[in-house]
């Protein structure tokens, strides 16, 4: 992403550029308003780190013009003269974050990381709204740009071209069936059926009839013959989810079907040829089950010709904005509301461990949309476990600061942690209401925000009555 650093102090500008470069940004720098506007007009800037006092004009005016021309731009304001009034003014003009000089290296990295996530989220949301990309491409099935997902995508591309069985491993909710579908879609028989069965959701007798089929009259109620999935796939793919739950006698029959490429339907006297690729998935430890005798060793080796391990969401946190944008776009198509996630909610979503993985994230987004009273999803709409996590990890304290001193980044003295624009906004709102003896309508008028926005903010702060 492209980062523009705007500050007339060359030492601070140089330090910020070095930190941004170490964080992987393409860096542009400016010391004046005019030069900054020229860069914004010529370059596709994603994030602006903007000092509140820059020669040649008003930084807030530049912020307003830049956001007007590029609504998706993420702007972080820096100032050595932090006041509630300047925070409110920055909020009105569209700033996403607010830094007080001198600031900490670690805190600047965190602010840039938040801005990167916000920009990634907005880019993905726009891409989804514009409908770019193929509807059934690998990228549409597996969302993520992290190294773990790129490695998984490369492996899927390779194994998709073969016909060998594939064992897909991963925790519950990581998207193992999506991986299976991606393997099928990337193969030579993508136009053939993709048939899935959950081995843990069916009783043994139903699993047998589902996989192998039966002939007419094979048992009470079998008034006509039915092909099992292994036959019905017809050169397609059969996905056996939760293969670790398959009973031992069914494991034996499945192994024979894989070895002989034929099955004998229930009640039939002759076998039927099988032309299907087998993909299996589990969240269980199959080698341990083999040792315990609850899973056949020969079936394990037959299925484990190639294995794909799907990373848990906590190991690919940078994909969370992309996934959130994907789920919000789906909700937009269903509800007609263009939902967005507040910066605080997105930060907590990025830091949370997600024991339920992508499925838990999807349910959290759906819940937030269902109970939200507006297009902005805040912490108040997120599930209880995320709100409890936010409460448990609330932190502050002293940090090492970056000061405008030498030609490089210099650590000098202790300073308070950065106060985000969200916290300054909260202080501005609550202080104004207090000074006006609780007159919320007058407070909204003085702050320049609508009364609905003010009440929503108070609800987000957990303050209904003040």
Protein backbone atom coordinates (compact mmCIF):
# COMPACT_ATOMS: atom_id res chain seq x y z
CA UNK A 1 0.00 0.00 0.00
CA UNK A 2 1.05 3.61 -0.61
CA UNK A 3 1.67 5.78 2.46
CA UNK A 4 2.04 9.57 2.23
CA UNK A 5 3.80 11.23 5.19
CA UNK A 6 3.11 14.96 5.47
CA UNK A 7 5.17 16.89 8.06
CA UNK A 8 7.36 20.00 7.77
CA UNK A 9 9.78 18.65 10.41
CA UNK A 10 12.34 16.69 8.40
CA UNK A 11 13.43 14.55 11.37
CA UNK A 12 9.88 13.43 12.18
CA UNK A 13 9.11 12.96 8.48
CA UNK A 14 12.23 10.83 8.03
CA UNK A 15 11.44 8.74 11.14
CA UNK A 16 7.85 8.12 10.02
CA UNK A 17 9.01 7.18 6.52
CA UNK A 18 11.49 4.66 7.92
CA UNK A 19 8.86 3.12 10.18
CA UNK A 20 6.36 2.98 7.32
CA UNK A 21 8.96 1.41 5.04
CA UNK A 22 9.77 -1.25 7.65
CA UNK A 23 6.04 -2.02 7.83
CA UNK A 24 5.99 -2.76 4.09
CA UNK A 25 4.52 0.48 2.74
CA UNK A 26 5.54 2.25 -0.46
CA UNK A 27 6.54 5.67 0.88
CA UNK A 28 5.82 9.18 -0.38
CA UNK A 29 6.81 12.24 1.65
CA UNK A 30 5.98 15.95 1.68
CA UNK A 31 6.69 19.02 3.80
CA UNK A 32 4.05 21.41 2.41
CA UNK A 33 0.34 21.47 1.61
CA UNK A 34 0.92 22.22 -2.09
CA UNK A 35 3.38 19.37 -2.53
CA UNK A 36 1.01 17.02 -0.72
CA UNK A 37 -1.88 17.91 -3.01
CA UNK A 38 0.31 17.29 -6.05
CA UNK A 39 1.23 13.82 -4.78
CA UNK A 40 -2.40 13.02 -4.01
CA UNK A 41 -3.39 14.04 -7.54
CA UNK A 42 -0.64 12.02 -9.21
CA UNK A 43 -0.36 8.90 -7.03
CA UNK A 44 -2.86 6.29 -5.81
CA UNK A 45 -2.34 6.97 -2.11
CA UNK A 46 -3.99 4.61 0.38
CA UNK A 47 -3.05 6.14 3.73
CA UNK A 48 -1.98 9.66 4.73
CA UNK A 49 -0.04 10.42 7.92
CA UNK A 50 -0.75 14.15 8.22
CA UNK A 51 0.63 16.71 10.67
CA UNK A 52 -1.98 19.17 11.89
CA UNK A 53 0.30 22.17 11.23
CA UNK A 54 1.96 22.21 7.81
CA UNK A 55 3.15 25.35 5.97
CA UNK A 56 1.19 26.63 3.00
CA UNK A 57 -2.38 26.24 4.21
CA UNK A 58 -4.67 24.34 6.55
CA UNK A 59 -4.12 20.63 7.14
CA UNK A 60 -7.80 20.21 8.00
CA UNK A 61 -8.74 21.84 4.69
CA UNK A 62 -6.35 19.46 2.92
CA UNK A 63 -7.97 16.56 4.79
CA UNK A 64 -11.44 17.68 3.72
CA UNK A 65 -10.42 18.14 0.06
CA UNK A 66 -8.53 14.85 -0.04
CA UNK A 67 -11.40 12.88 1.49
CA UNK A 68 -13.86 14.59 -0.86
CA UNK A 69 -11.81 13.59 -3.92
CA UNK A 70 -10.85 10.16 -2.54
CA UNK A 71 -13.54 8.97 -0.05
CA UNK A 72 -11.71 5.70 0.54
CA UNK A 73 -8.54 7.48 1.74
CA UNK A 74 -7.48 6.64 5.31
CA UNK A 75 -6.06 9.68 7.12
CA UNK A 76 -4.16 9.73 10.42
CA UNK A 77 -3.61 13.15 12.00
CA UNK A 78 -0.48 13.99 14.02
CA UNK A 79 -0.17 16.95 16.37
CA UNK A 80 1.84 18.20 19.32
CA UNK A 81 -1.11 20.34 20.39
CA UNK A 82 -3.89 17.87 21.08
CA UNK A 83 -7.18 19.36 22.18
CA UNK A 84 -10.74 18.06 22.29
CA UNK A 85 -11.74 20.74 19.79
CA UNK A 86 -9.11 19.67 17.26
CA UNK A 87 -10.14 16.02 17.71
CA UNK A 88 -13.77 16.87 17.02
CA UNK A 89 -12.78 18.94 13.98
CA UNK A 90 -10.61 16.11 12.67
CA UNK A 91 -13.49 13.67 13.19
CA UNK A 92 -15.84 15.91 11.23
CA UNK A 93 -13.38 16.10 8.35
CA UNK A 94 -12.95 12.33 8.11
CA UNK A 95 -9.76 11.47 10.01
CA UNK A 96 -9.53 7.83 11.03
CA UNK A 97 -6.97 8.15 13.84
CA UNK A 98 -5.21 10.80 15.89
CA UNK A 99 -1.60 10.76 17.19
CA UNK A 100 -0.09 13.08 19.78
CA UNK A 101 3.60 13.95 19.43
CA UNK A 102 5.97 12.65 20.63
CA UNK A 103 4.58 9.20 19.89
CA UNK A 104 5.85 5.66 20.35
CA UNK A 105 7.36 3.51 17.64
CA UNK A 106 5.15 0.59 18.63
CA UNK A 107 2.05 2.77 18.76
CA UNK A 108 2.74 4.25 15.33
CA UNK A 109 3.14 0.71 13.98
CA UNK A 110 -0.20 -0.23 15.56
CA UNK A 111 -1.93 2.82 14.08
CA UNK A 112 -0.51 2.06 10.63
CA UNK A 113 -1.59 -1.56 11.00
CA UNK A 114 -5.13 -0.44 11.89
CA UNK A 115 -5.14 1.86 8.88
CA UNK A 116 -3.93 -0.95 6.62
CA UNK A 117 -6.74 -3.21 7.85
CA UNK A 118 -9.31 -0.46 7.31
CA UNK A 119 -8.02 0.20 3.78
CA UNK A 120 -7.94 -3.52 2.99
CA UNK A 121 -11.50 -3.87 4.23
CA UNK A 122 -12.70 -0.98 2.06
CA UNK A 123 -10.86 -2.21 -1.04
CA UNK A 124 -12.32 -5.69 -0.66
CA UNK A 125 -15.80 -4.28 -0.08
CA UNK A 126 -15.51 -2.18 -3.25
CA UNK A 127 -14.21 -5.13 -5.25
CA UNK A 128 -17.14 -7.23 -4.10
CA UNK A 129 -19.66 -4.47 -4.87
CA UNK A 130 -18.24 -4.01 -8.36
CA UNK A 131 -18.38 -7.76 -8.94
CA UNK A 132 -14.82 -8.08 -10.19
CA UNK A 133 -13.33 -11.56 -10.31
CA UNK A 134 -14.78 -14.80 -11.53
CA UNK A 135 -17.79 -16.10 -9.66
CA UNK A 136 -16.37 -19.59 -9.21
CA UNK A 137 -12.65 -18.89 -9.23
CA UNK A 138 -10.36 -20.17 -6.49
CA UNK A 139 -10.17 -16.66 -5.01
CA UNK A 140 -13.95 -16.52 -4.67
CA UNK A 141 -13.96 -19.79 -2.72
CA UNK A 142 -10.93 -19.17 -0.52
CA UNK A 143 -10.60 -15.58 0.65
CA UNK A 144 -7.22 -14.49 1.96
CA UNK A 145 -3.91 -12.88 1.04
CA UNK A 146 -1.77 -14.06 3.95
CA UNK A 147 1.25 -16.27 3.36
CA UNK A 148 -0.57 -19.26 4.89
CA UNK A 149 -3.49 -18.90 2.47
CA UNK A 150 -1.23 -18.29 -0.52
CA UNK A 151 0.65 -21.50 0.27
CA UNK A 152 -2.63 -23.39 0.63
CA UNK A 153 -3.86 -21.98 -2.70
CA UNK A 154 -0.68 -23.11 -4.45
CA UNK A 155 -1.10 -26.62 -3.03
CA UNK A 156 -4.74 -26.73 -4.11
CA UNK A 157 -3.80 -25.69 -7.64
CA UNK A 158 -1.30 -28.56 -7.81
CA UNK A 159 -3.46 -31.33 -6.34
CA UNK A 160 -6.54 -30.25 -8.32
CA UNK A 161 -4.93 -31.50 -11.52
CA UNK A 162 -4.54 -35.06 -10.19
CA UNK A 163 -7.13 -37.71 -9.35
CA UNK A 164 -5.57 -38.93 -6.10
CA UNK A 165 -7.49 -38.91 -2.81
CA UNK A 166 -6.85 -35.83 -0.67
CA UNK A 167 -7.12 -35.59 3.12
CA UNK A 168 -8.05 -32.09 4.33
CA UNK A 169 -7.11 -31.31 7.93
CA UNK A 170 -8.09 -28.37 10.10
CA UNK A 171 -10.04 -27.17 13.10
CA UNK A 172 -13.82 -26.88 13.09
CA UNK A 173 -14.99 -23.84 11.17
CA UNK A 174 -11.84 -23.26 9.11
CA UNK A 175 -13.56 -23.98 5.79
CA UNK A 176 -12.49 -27.53 4.92
CA UNK A 177 -15.47 -28.04 2.61
CA UNK A 178 -14.57 -24.84 0.74
CA UNK A 179 -11.08 -26.26 0.23
CA UNK A 180 -12.63 -29.46 -1.11
CA UNK A 181 -14.83 -27.44 -3.48
CA UNK A 182 -11.79 -25.47 -4.61
CA UNK A 183 -9.95 -28.72 -5.42
CA UNK A 184 -12.99 -29.92 -7.39
CA UNK A 185 -13.47 -26.59 -9.21
CA UNK A 186 -9.79 -26.47 -10.17
CA UNK A 187 -9.74 -29.97 -11.63
CA UNK A 188 -10.44 -31.38 -15.07
CA UNK A 189 -13.95 -32.53 -14.06
CA UNK A 190 -15.23 -29.30 -12.55
CA UNK A 191 -18.42 -29.67 -14.62
CA UNK A 192 -19.24 -33.00 -12.95
CA UNK A 193 -21.09 -33.33 -9.59
CA UNK A 194 -19.59 -32.37 -6.23
CA UNK A 195 -21.37 -34.54 -3.63
CA UNK A 196 -20.79 -34.03 0.10
CA UNK A 197 -21.79 -36.19 3.05
CA UNK A 198 -21.19 -35.59 6.77
CA UNK A 199 -20.09 -38.94 8.16
CA UNK A 200 -20.74 -37.77 11.71
CA UNK A 201 -24.33 -36.68 11.11
CA UNK A 202 -25.78 -39.98 9.87
CA UNK A 203 -26.45 -43.29 11.60
CA UNK A 204 -24.37 -46.22 10.21
CA UNK A 205 -27.25 -47.71 8.19
CA UNK A 206 -27.90 -44.40 6.45
CA UNK A 207 -24.19 -43.89 5.73
CA UNK A 208 -24.10 -47.28 4.02
CA UNK A 209 -27.08 -46.51 1.78
CA UNK A 210 -25.82 -42.96 1.08
CA UNK A 211 -22.36 -44.10 0.00
CA UNK A 212 -23.09 -47.42 -1.67
CA UNK A 213 -26.76 -47.25 -2.69
CA UNK A 214 -29.32 -50.05 -2.72
CA UNK A 215 -31.53 -52.04 -5.06
CA UNK A 216 -35.32 -52.14 -5.07
CA UNK A 217 -36.65 -54.32 -2.26
CA UNK A 218 -33.33 -54.43 -0.39
CA UNK A 219 -35.13 -53.41 2.82
CA UNK A 220 -38.53 -52.18 3.96
CA UNK A 221 -39.31 -48.92 2.22
CA UNK A 222 -36.86 -49.46 -0.65
CA UNK A 223 -39.56 -49.22 -3.33
CA UNK A 224 -37.02 -48.23 -5.99
CA UNK A 225 -33.28 -48.53 -6.54
CA UNK A 226 -30.96 -45.70 -5.59
CA UNK A 227 -27.36 -45.07 -6.62
CA UNK A 228 -24.94 -44.34 -3.80
CA UNK A 229 -22.84 -41.16 -3.88
CA UNK A 230 -19.77 -43.01 -5.08
CA UNK A 231 -21.66 -44.06 -8.22
CA UNK A 232 -23.81 -40.92 -8.61
CA UNK A 233 -20.71 -38.70 -8.69
CA UNK A 234 -20.05 -40.05 -12.22
CA UNK A 235 -16.49 -38.75 -12.76
CA UNK A 236 -17.09 -36.00 -10.19
CA UNK A 237 -16.03 -35.67 -6.56
CA UNK A 238 -17.32 -37.22 -3.34
CA UNK A 239 -16.44 -35.23 -0.22
CA UNK A 240 -16.48 -37.25 3.01
CA UNK A 241 -16.63 -34.71 5.84
CA UNK A 242 -15.72 -35.81 9.37
CA UNK A 243 -14.20 -39.03 8.05
CA UNK A 244 -12.92 -39.75 11.58
CA UNK A 245 -16.52 -40.45 12.65
CA UNK A 246 -17.00 -43.23 10.09
CA UNK A 247 -17.68 -46.57 11.85
CA UNK A 248 -15.05 -49.29 11.47
CA UNK A 249 -17.24 -51.58 9.35
CA UNK A 250 -17.96 -48.68 6.97
CA UNK A 251 -14.23 -47.92 6.88
CA UNK A 252 -13.64 -51.46 5.64
CA UNK A 253 -16.23 -51.14 2.87
CA UNK A 254 -14.91 -47.72 1.84
CA UNK A 255 -11.35 -49.05 1.65
CA UNK A 256 -12.47 -51.91 -0.58
CA UNK A 257 -14.33 -49.47 -2.84
CA UNK A 258 -11.23 -47.29 -3.18
CA UNK A 259 -8.96 -50.25 -3.91
CA UNK A 260 -11.24 -52.07 -6.35
CA UNK A 261 -12.99 -48.96 -7.77
CA UNK A 262 -16.35 -50.63 -7.42
CA UNK A 263 -19.13 -50.93 -4.85
CA UNK A 264 -21.85 -53.46 -4.14
CA UNK A 265 -25.16 -51.70 -3.39
CA UNK A 266 -27.22 -53.05 -0.50
CA UNK A 267 -29.15 -56.13 -1.70
CA UNK A 268 -27.29 -56.31 -5.04
CA UNK A 269 -25.58 -59.46 -6.33
CA UNK A 270 -23.22 -57.66 -8.73
CA UNK A 271 -20.80 -54.81 -8.12
CA UNK A 272 -21.07 -51.42 -9.82
CA UNK A 273 -18.04 -49.54 -11.14
CA UNK A 274 -17.03 -46.32 -9.36
CA UNK A 275 -15.61 -43.31 -11.21
CA UNK A 276 -15.27 -40.67 -8.52
CA UNK A 277 -12.50 -38.77 -6.81
CA UNK A 278 -12.52 -39.03 -3.01
CA UNK A 279 -11.78 -36.04 -0.81
CA UNK A 280 -12.01 -36.47 2.96
CA UNK A 281 -11.78 -34.05 5.87
CA UNK A 282 -11.48 -34.21 9.62
CA UNK A 283 -10.64 -32.09 12.65
CA UNK A 284 -9.54 -35.18 14.57
CA UNK A 285 -6.07 -36.66 15.09
CA UNK A 286 -6.23 -39.64 12.72
CA UNK A 287 -2.71 -40.98 13.51
CA UNK A 288 -3.71 -41.14 17.19
CA UNK A 289 -6.94 -42.90 16.23
CA UNK A 290 -4.92 -45.38 14.19
CA UNK A 291 -2.78 -46.08 17.26
CA UNK A 292 -5.92 -46.54 19.36
CA UNK A 293 -7.44 -48.90 16.79
CA UNK A 294 -10.46 -46.69 16.06
CA UNK A 295 -9.38 -45.85 12.52
CA UNK A 296 -7.98 -48.31 9.98
CA UNK A 297 -4.32 -47.74 9.21
CA UNK A 298 -4.67 -48.92 5.60
CA UNK A 299 -7.60 -46.54 4.98
CA UNK A 300 -5.63 -43.69 6.53
CA UNK A 301 -2.72 -44.26 4.15
CA UNK A 302 -5.10 -44.66 1.22
CA UNK A 303 -6.78 -41.30 1.96
CA UNK A 304 -3.59 -39.51 2.95
CA UNK A 305 -1.91 -39.64 -0.47
CA UNK A 306 -1.89 -35.84 -0.27
CA UNK A 307 -2.99 -33.78 2.70
CA UNK A 308 -3.94 -30.11 2.89
CA UNK A 309 -3.92 -28.35 6.24
CA UNK A 310 -6.26 -25.36 6.56
CA UNK A 311 -4.83 -22.74 8.95
CA UNK A 312 -7.01 -21.51 11.84
CA UNK A 313 -8.14 -17.89 11.66
CA UNK A 314 -5.85 -16.82 14.50
CA UNK A 315 -2.88 -17.72 12.26
CA UNK A 316 -4.15 -15.54 9.38
CA UNK A 317 -5.48 -12.48 11.18
CA UNK A 318 -4.71 -10.15 8.28
CA UNK A 319 -7.40 -11.97 6.27
CA UNK A 320 -10.12 -10.91 8.74
CA UNK A 321 -10.90 -7.59 6.95
CA UNK A 322 -11.26 -9.45 3.64
CA UNK A 323 -13.54 -12.06 5.18
CA UNK A 324 -15.59 -9.42 6.98
CA UNK A 325 -16.03 -7.46 3.74
CA UNK A 326 -17.12 -10.64 1.98
CA UNK A 327 -19.77 -11.43 4.59
CA UNK A 328 -20.97 -7.81 4.72
CA UNK A 329 -21.35 -7.74 0.95
CA UNK A 330 -23.54 -10.83 1.18
CA UNK A 331 -25.63 -9.12 3.86
CA UNK A 332 -25.87 -6.01 1.67
CA UNK A 333 -27.31 -8.10 -1.16
CA UNK A 334 -29.84 -9.64 1.24
CA UNK A 335 -30.81 -6.55 3.29
CA UNK A 336 -30.01 -3.68 0.92
CA UNK A 337 -27.92 -1.98 3.65
CA UNK A 338 -24.31 -0.99 2.94
CA UNK A 339 -22.84 -2.07 6.28
CA UNK A 340 -19.40 -0.99 7.49
CA UNK A 341 -17.44 -1.98 10.61
CA UNK A 342 -16.27 0.68 13.05
CA UNK A 343 -12.52 1.02 13.57
CA UNK A 344 -12.75 -0.21 17.17
CA UNK A 345 -14.81 -3.26 16.22
CA UNK A 346 -12.41 -4.10 13.39
CA UNK A 347 -9.45 -3.81 15.77
CA UNK A 348 -11.04 -6.17 18.32
CA UNK A 349 -12.00 -8.60 15.55
CA UNK A 350 -8.37 -8.60 14.40
CA UNK A 351 -6.99 -9.28 17.90
CA UNK A 352 -9.55 -11.90 19.01
CA UNK A 353 -8.47 -15.56 18.70
CA UNK A 354 -11.68 -16.87 17.05
CA UNK A 355 -11.81 -20.41 18.48
CA UNK A 356 -14.69 -21.10 16.08
CA UNK A 357 -12.60 -19.78 13.18
CA UNK A 358 -14.20 -18.40 9.99
CA UNK A 359 -17.60 -19.86 10.86
CA UNK A 360 -17.60 -17.92 14.17
CA UNK A 361 -16.61 -14.73 12.33
CA UNK A 362 -19.42 -15.24 9.83
CA UNK A 363 -21.98 -15.72 12.61
CA UNK A 364 -20.65 -12.64 14.45
CA UNK A 365 -21.12 -10.49 11.32
CA UNK A 366 -24.61 -11.88 10.70
CA UNK A 367 -25.61 -11.20 14.32
CA UNK A 368 -24.25 -7.66 14.22
CA UNK A 369 -26.18 -6.90 11.03
CA UNK A 370 -29.36 -8.42 12.46
CA UNK A 371 -29.43 -6.23 15.59
CA UNK A 372 -27.80 -3.06 14.23
CA UNK A 373 -29.95 0.05 14.01
CA UNK A 374 -27.76 1.59 11.31
CA UNK A 375 -25.10 0.84 8.71
CA UNK A 376 -22.16 1.18 11.15
CA UNK A 377 -21.47 -1.99 13.14
CA UNK A 378 -19.97 -1.12 16.52
CA UNK A 379 -18.76 -3.12 19.51
CA UNK A 380 -22.29 -2.95 20.91
CA UNK A 381 -23.52 -5.20 18.09
CA UNK A 382 -20.73 -7.79 18.32
CA UNK A 383 -21.30 -11.05 20.26
CA UNK A 384 -20.77 -11.19 24.02
CA UNK A 385 -17.48 -13.08 23.78
CA UNK A 386 -15.89 -10.26 21.76
CA UNK A 387 -17.20 -7.59 24.13
CA UNK A 388 -15.80 -9.56 27.08
CA UNK A 389 -12.49 -9.90 25.26
CA UNK A 390 -12.38 -6.12 24.67
CA UNK A 391 -13.05 -5.50 28.38
CA UNK A 392 -10.35 -7.96 29.47
CA UNK A 393 -7.69 -6.54 27.15
CA UNK A 394 -8.36 -2.83 27.72
CA UNK A 395 -4.91 -1.39 28.36
CA UNK A 396 -2.89 1.82 28.61
CA UNK A 397 0.41 2.89 30.16
CA UNK A 398 3.80 4.31 29.35
CA UNK A 399 5.78 3.67 26.20
CA UNK A 400 8.99 4.76 24.55
CA UNK A 401 8.44 7.87 22.43
CA UNK A 402 9.69 9.08 19.06
CA UNK A 403 10.77 12.71 19.25
CA UNK A 404 11.69 15.13 16.44
CA UNK A 405 15.41 15.06 17.10
CA UNK A 406 18.13 13.57 14.93
CA UNK A 407 18.14 12.27 11.38
CA UNK A 408 16.92 8.84 12.51
CA UNK A 409 14.39 7.27 14.84
CA UNK A 410 15.43 8.08 18.40
CA UNK A 411 14.07 6.72 21.65
CA UNK A 412 14.06 9.43 24.27
CA UNK A 413 11.62 9.49 27.18
CA UNK A 414 8.45 8.03 28.60
CA UNK A 415 5.11 9.42 27.46
CA UNK A 416 1.47 8.41 27.84
CA UNK A 417 0.01 5.91 25.37
CA UNK A 418 -1.65 7.29 22.26
CA UNK A 419 -5.25 8.32 22.65
CA UNK A 420 -7.23 7.24 19.61
CA UNK A 421 -9.61 9.57 17.85
CA UNK A 422 -12.46 7.34 19.06
CA UNK A 423 -11.47 7.99 22.70
CA UNK A 424 -11.02 11.73 22.10
CA UNK A 425 -14.41 11.79 20.39
CA UNK A 426 -15.94 10.05 23.41
CA UNK A 427 -14.34 12.58 25.77
CA UNK A 428 -15.61 15.47 23.64
CA UNK A 429 -19.17 14.15 23.65
CA UNK A 430 -19.34 13.30 27.35
CA UNK A 431 -17.63 16.53 28.47
CA UNK A 432 -19.96 18.62 26.33
CA UNK A 433 -23.07 16.90 27.72
CA UNK A 434 -21.77 17.33 31.26
CA UNK A 435 -21.06 21.04 30.74
CA UNK A 436 -24.59 21.48 29.39
CA UNK A 437 -26.09 19.70 32.41
CA UNK A 438 -27.29 16.75 30.34
CA UNK A 439 -28.87 18.67 27.44
CA UNK A 440 -28.17 16.15 24.66
CA UNK A 441 -29.91 18.09 21.89
CA UNK A 442 -27.84 21.20 22.58
CA UNK A 443 -24.70 19.07 22.85
CA UNK A 444 -25.37 17.50 19.45
CA UNK A 445 -25.94 20.99 17.99
CA UNK A 446 -22.67 22.35 19.40
CA UNK A 447 -20.69 19.29 18.34
CA UNK A 448 -22.10 19.50 14.83
CA UNK A 449 -23.56 15.99 14.80
CA UNK A 450 -27.12 14.71 14.50
CA UNK A 451 -29.07 13.71 17.58
CA UNK A 452 -29.45 10.17 16.22
CA UNK A 453 -25.67 9.91 15.90
CA UNK A 454 -25.25 11.22 19.45
CA UNK A 455 -27.68 8.65 20.91
CA UNK A 456 -26.01 5.86 18.91
CA UNK A 457 -22.61 6.91 20.26
CA UNK A 458 -23.92 6.90 23.84
CA UNK A 459 -25.35 3.43 23.27
CA UNK A 460 -21.97 2.30 21.95
CA UNK A 461 -20.31 3.68 25.10
CA UNK A 462 -22.83 1.77 27.21
CA UNK A 463 -24.30 5.02 28.55
CA UNK A 464 -28.04 5.15 27.98
CA UNK A 465 -28.82 7.72 30.67
CA UNK A 466 -26.62 10.74 31.41
